[in-house]
């Protein structure tokens, strides 16, 4: 026996409102029974610290290999461009993602540093807004 669909209850009052207790960007719906999903990135000092530590670790590993592989200098330049952007990762996230991808590709040809590069990628990507 099919279940009869119950009508939606009337909204409370005339103000359907939006309740936001954080930072919100993008469209917001305030019509009766509308739904919208948003994501809030709360960038903590701890998360930025983890990203900086992973960059410093990779930098030390690459410095040890300088002169042995041609990709090392380019990877160090990538790190030099990524590190300053940790202060404001939401400013240009597409560029940061592109730089991280370049870093991974460069480090893929250097034995023993790919895991450290992937750690940089994951810690920095955690700071970026989702696309």
C-alpha atoms as a PDB file:
ATOM      1  CA  UNK A   1       0.000   0.000   0.000  1.00  0.00           C
ATOM      2  CA  UNK A   2       1.558   3.341  -1.022  1.00  0.00           C
ATOM      3  CA  UNK A   3       2.256   5.942   1.626  1.00  0.00           C
ATOM      4  CA  UNK A   4       0.376   9.166   1.102  1.00  0.00           C
ATOM      5  CA  UNK A   5       2.713  12.126   0.872  1.00  0.00           C
ATOM      6  CA  UNK A   6       2.010  14.628   3.580  1.00  0.00           C
ATOM      7  CA  UNK A   7       2.056  18.302   2.610  1.00  0.00           C
ATOM      8  CA  UNK A   8       4.980  20.360   3.825  1.00  0.00           C
ATOM      9  CA  UNK A   9       4.284  22.263   7.029  1.00  0.00           C
ATOM     10  CA  UNK A  10       3.912  26.022   6.714  1.00  0.00           C
ATOM     11  CA  UNK A  11       7.069  28.015   7.441  1.00  0.00           C
ATOM     12  CA  UNK A  12       7.342  29.809  10.759  1.00  0.00           C
ATOM     13  CA  UNK A  13       6.485  33.455  10.203  1.00  0.00           C
ATOM     14  CA  UNK A  14       7.323  35.543   7.169  1.00  0.00           C
ATOM     15  CA  UNK A  15      11.067  35.626   7.725  1.00  0.00           C
ATOM     16  CA  UNK A  16      12.515  32.370   6.467  1.00  0.00           C
ATOM     17  CA  UNK A  17      15.967  33.718   7.246  1.00  0.00           C
ATOM     18  CA  UNK A  18      19.488  32.473   6.914  1.00  0.00           C
ATOM     19  CA  UNK A  19      21.362  31.437  10.003  1.00  0.00           C
ATOM     20  CA  UNK A  20      25.097  31.678   9.576  1.00  0.00           C
ATOM     21  CA  UNK A  21      27.543  31.396  12.426  1.00  0.00           C
ATOM     22  CA  UNK A  22      30.728  31.563  10.374  1.00  0.00           C
ATOM     23  CA  UNK A  23      32.100  32.868   7.105  1.00  0.00           C
ATOM     24  CA  UNK A  24      29.946  32.199   4.055  1.00  0.00           C
ATOM     25  CA  UNK A  25      30.543  32.909   0.399  1.00  0.00           C
ATOM     26  CA  UNK A  26      28.342  32.082  -2.549  1.00  0.00           C
ATOM     27  CA  UNK A  27      24.610  31.980  -3.055  1.00  0.00           C
ATOM     28  CA  UNK A  28      22.183  31.668  -0.177  1.00  0.00           C
ATOM     29  CA  UNK A  29      18.565  30.637  -0.522  1.00  0.00           C
ATOM     30  CA  UNK A  30      15.906  32.141   1.709  1.00  0.00           C
ATOM     31  CA  UNK A  31      12.714  30.837   0.152  1.00  0.00           C
ATOM     32  CA  UNK A  32      10.325  28.524   2.002  1.00  0.00           C
ATOM     33  CA  UNK A  33      11.695  24.966   2.177  1.00  0.00           C
ATOM     34  CA  UNK A  34      14.746  25.767   0.063  1.00  0.00           C
ATOM     35  CA  UNK A  35      17.999  24.070   0.872  1.00  0.00           C
ATOM     36  CA  UNK A  36      21.544  25.081   0.216  1.00  0.00           C
ATOM     37  CA  UNK A  37      24.863  23.612   1.238  1.00  0.00           C
ATOM     38  CA  UNK A  38      27.905  25.712   2.002  1.00  0.00           C
ATOM     39  CA  UNK A  39      31.373  24.914   3.194  1.00  0.00           C
ATOM     40  CA  UNK A  40      33.302  26.944   5.704  1.00  0.00           C
ATOM     41  CA  UNK A  41      37.045  26.615   5.906  1.00  0.00           C
ATOM     42  CA  UNK A  42      38.241  27.616   9.326  1.00  0.00           C
ATOM     43  CA  UNK A  43      41.943  28.021   8.753  1.00  0.00           C
ATOM     44  CA  UNK A  44      43.650  27.554  12.068  1.00  0.00           C
ATOM     45  CA  UNK A  45      47.194  28.452  12.986  1.00  0.00           C
ATOM     46  CA  UNK A  46      47.759  24.761  13.590  1.00  0.00           C
ATOM     47  CA  UNK A  47      46.812  23.873   9.995  1.00  0.00           C
ATOM     48  CA  UNK A  48      49.042  26.611   8.599  1.00  0.00           C
ATOM     49  CA  UNK A  49      51.835  25.406  10.898  1.00  0.00           C
ATOM     50  CA  UNK A  50      51.515  21.850   9.566  1.00  0.00           C
ATOM     51  CA  UNK A  51      51.708  23.169   6.004  1.00  0.00           C
ATOM     52  CA  UNK A  52      54.817  25.232   6.820  1.00  0.00           C
ATOM     53  CA  UNK A  53      56.458  22.232   8.529  1.00  0.00           C
ATOM     54  CA  UNK A  54      55.808  20.019   5.511  1.00  0.00           C
ATOM     55  CA  UNK A  55      57.277  22.672   3.189  1.00  0.00           C
ATOM     56  CA  UNK A  56      60.358  23.059   5.407  1.00  0.00           C
ATOM     57  CA  UNK A  57      60.833  19.269   5.521  1.00  0.00           C
ATOM     58  CA  UNK A  58      60.623  18.983   1.726  1.00  0.00           C
ATOM     59  CA  UNK A  59      62.963  21.962   1.311  1.00  0.00           C
ATOM     60  CA  UNK A  60      65.600  20.266   3.520  1.00  0.00           C
ATOM     61  CA  UNK A  61      65.279  17.022   1.541  1.00  0.00           C
ATOM     62  CA  UNK A  62      65.641  18.878  -1.751  1.00  0.00           C
ATOM     63  CA  UNK A  63      68.624  20.924  -0.521  1.00  0.00           C
ATOM     64  CA  UNK A  64      70.419  17.656   0.273  1.00  0.00           C
ATOM     65  CA  UNK A  65      69.898  16.523  -3.327  1.00  0.00           C
ATOM     66  CA  UNK A  66      70.797  19.822  -5.002  1.00  0.00           C
ATOM     67  CA  UNK A  67      73.078  19.262  -7.973  1.00  0.00           C
ATOM     68  CA  UNK A  68      72.202  15.581  -8.297  1.00  0.00           C
ATOM     69  CA  UNK A  69      68.931  15.991 -10.195  1.00  0.00           C
ATOM     70  CA  UNK A  70      67.926  18.763 -12.591  1.00  0.00           C
ATOM     71  CA  UNK A  71      64.370  18.959 -11.173  1.00  0.00           C
ATOM     72  CA  UNK A  72      65.551  19.940  -7.681  1.00  0.00           C
ATOM     73  CA  UNK A  73      66.090  23.624  -8.479  1.00  0.00           C
ATOM     74  CA  UNK A  74      62.690  23.912 -10.156  1.00  0.00           C
ATOM     75  CA  UNK A  75      61.012  22.187  -7.183  1.00  0.00           C
ATOM     76  CA  UNK A  76      62.714  24.605  -4.784  1.00  0.00           C
ATOM     77  CA  UNK A  77      61.428  27.527  -6.871  1.00  0.00           C
ATOM     78  CA  UNK A  78      57.926  26.030  -6.654  1.00  0.00           C
ATOM     79  CA  UNK A  79      58.235  25.883  -2.862  1.00  0.00           C
ATOM     80  CA  UNK A  80      59.407  29.506  -2.823  1.00  0.00           C
ATOM     81  CA  UNK A  81      56.207  30.504  -4.666  1.00  0.00           C
ATOM     82  CA  UNK A  82      53.872  28.336  -2.537  1.00  0.00           C
ATOM     83  CA  UNK A  83      55.178  29.256   0.931  1.00  0.00           C
ATOM     84  CA  UNK A  84      54.218  32.965   0.888  1.00  0.00           C
ATOM     85  CA  UNK A  85      50.678  32.108  -0.220  1.00  0.00           C
ATOM     86  CA  UNK A  86      49.970  30.254   3.033  1.00  0.00           C
ATOM     87  CA  UNK A  87      49.207  33.614   4.641  1.00  0.00           C
ATOM     88  CA  UNK A  88      46.221  34.113   2.306  1.00  0.00           C
ATOM     89  CA  UNK A  89      45.404  30.764   0.611  1.00  0.00           C
ATOM     90  CA  UNK A  90      41.920  31.856  -0.485  1.00  0.00           C
ATOM     91  CA  UNK A  91      43.260  34.740  -2.582  1.00  0.00           C
ATOM     92  CA  UNK A  92      44.068  32.640  -5.644  1.00  0.00           C
ATOM     93  CA  UNK A  93      43.399  28.947  -4.946  1.00  0.00           C
ATOM     94  CA  UNK A  94      43.535  27.904  -8.600  1.00  0.00           C
ATOM     95  CA  UNK A  95      47.106  29.121  -8.921  1.00  0.00           C
ATOM     96  CA  UNK A  96      48.119  27.368  -5.703  1.00  0.00           C
ATOM     97  CA  UNK A  97      46.575  24.103  -6.949  1.00  0.00           C
ATOM     98  CA  UNK A  98      48.483  24.465 -10.227  1.00  0.00           C
ATOM     99  CA  UNK A  99      51.764  25.111  -8.389  1.00  0.00           C
ATOM    100  CA  UNK A 100      51.175  22.087  -6.159  1.00  0.00           C
ATOM    101  CA  UNK A 101      50.563  19.890  -9.185  1.00  0.00           C
ATOM    102  CA  UNK A 102      53.790  21.150 -10.777  1.00  0.00           C
ATOM    103  CA  UNK A 103      55.641  20.400  -7.541  1.00  0.00           C
ATOM    104  CA  UNK A 104      54.323  16.831  -7.472  1.00  0.00           C
ATOM    105  CA  UNK A 105      55.293  16.269 -11.107  1.00  0.00           C
ATOM    106  CA  UNK A 106      58.802  17.616 -10.551  1.00  0.00           C
ATOM    107  CA  UNK A 107      59.337  15.596  -7.371  1.00  0.00           C
ATOM    108  CA  UNK A 108      58.089  12.440  -9.061  1.00  0.00           C
ATOM    109  CA  UNK A 109      61.407  12.257 -10.903  1.00  0.00           C
ATOM    110  CA  UNK A 110      63.501  12.647  -7.763  1.00  0.00           C
ATOM    111  CA  UNK A 111      63.938   9.430  -5.767  1.00  0.00           C
ATOM    112  CA  UNK A 112      62.854   9.565  -2.152  1.00  0.00           C
ATOM    113  CA  UNK A 113      61.027  12.913  -2.077  1.00  0.00           C
ATOM    114  CA  UNK A 114      57.653  12.164  -3.636  1.00  0.00           C
ATOM    115  CA  UNK A 115      56.055  11.258  -0.296  1.00  0.00           C
ATOM    116  CA  UNK A 116      57.277  14.534   1.221  1.00  0.00           C
ATOM    117  CA  UNK A 117      55.892  16.440  -1.783  1.00  0.00           C
ATOM    118  CA  UNK A 118      52.548  14.678  -1.400  1.00  0.00           C
ATOM    119  CA  UNK A 119      52.475  15.714   2.255  1.00  0.00           C
ATOM    120  CA  UNK A 120      53.017  19.329   1.170  1.00  0.00           C
ATOM    121  CA  UNK A 121      50.196  18.957  -1.315  1.00  0.00           C
ATOM    122  CA  UNK A 122      47.748  17.539   1.235  1.00  0.00           C
ATOM    123  CA  UNK A 123      48.559  20.050   3.992  1.00  0.00           C
ATOM    124  CA  UNK A 124      48.341  23.053   1.660  1.00  0.00           C
ATOM    125  CA  UNK A 125      45.207  21.785  -0.103  1.00  0.00           C
ATOM    126  CA  UNK A 126      43.521  21.527   3.310  1.00  0.00           C
ATOM    127  CA  UNK A 127      43.820  25.328   3.547  1.00  0.00           C
ATOM    128  CA  UNK A 128      42.187  26.013   0.186  1.00  0.00           C
ATOM    129  CA  UNK A 129      38.464  26.499  -0.357  1.00  0.00           C
ATOM    130  CA  UNK A 130      36.780  23.672  -2.229  1.00  0.00           C
ATOM    131  CA  UNK A 131      35.973  24.365  -5.831  1.00  0.00           C
END
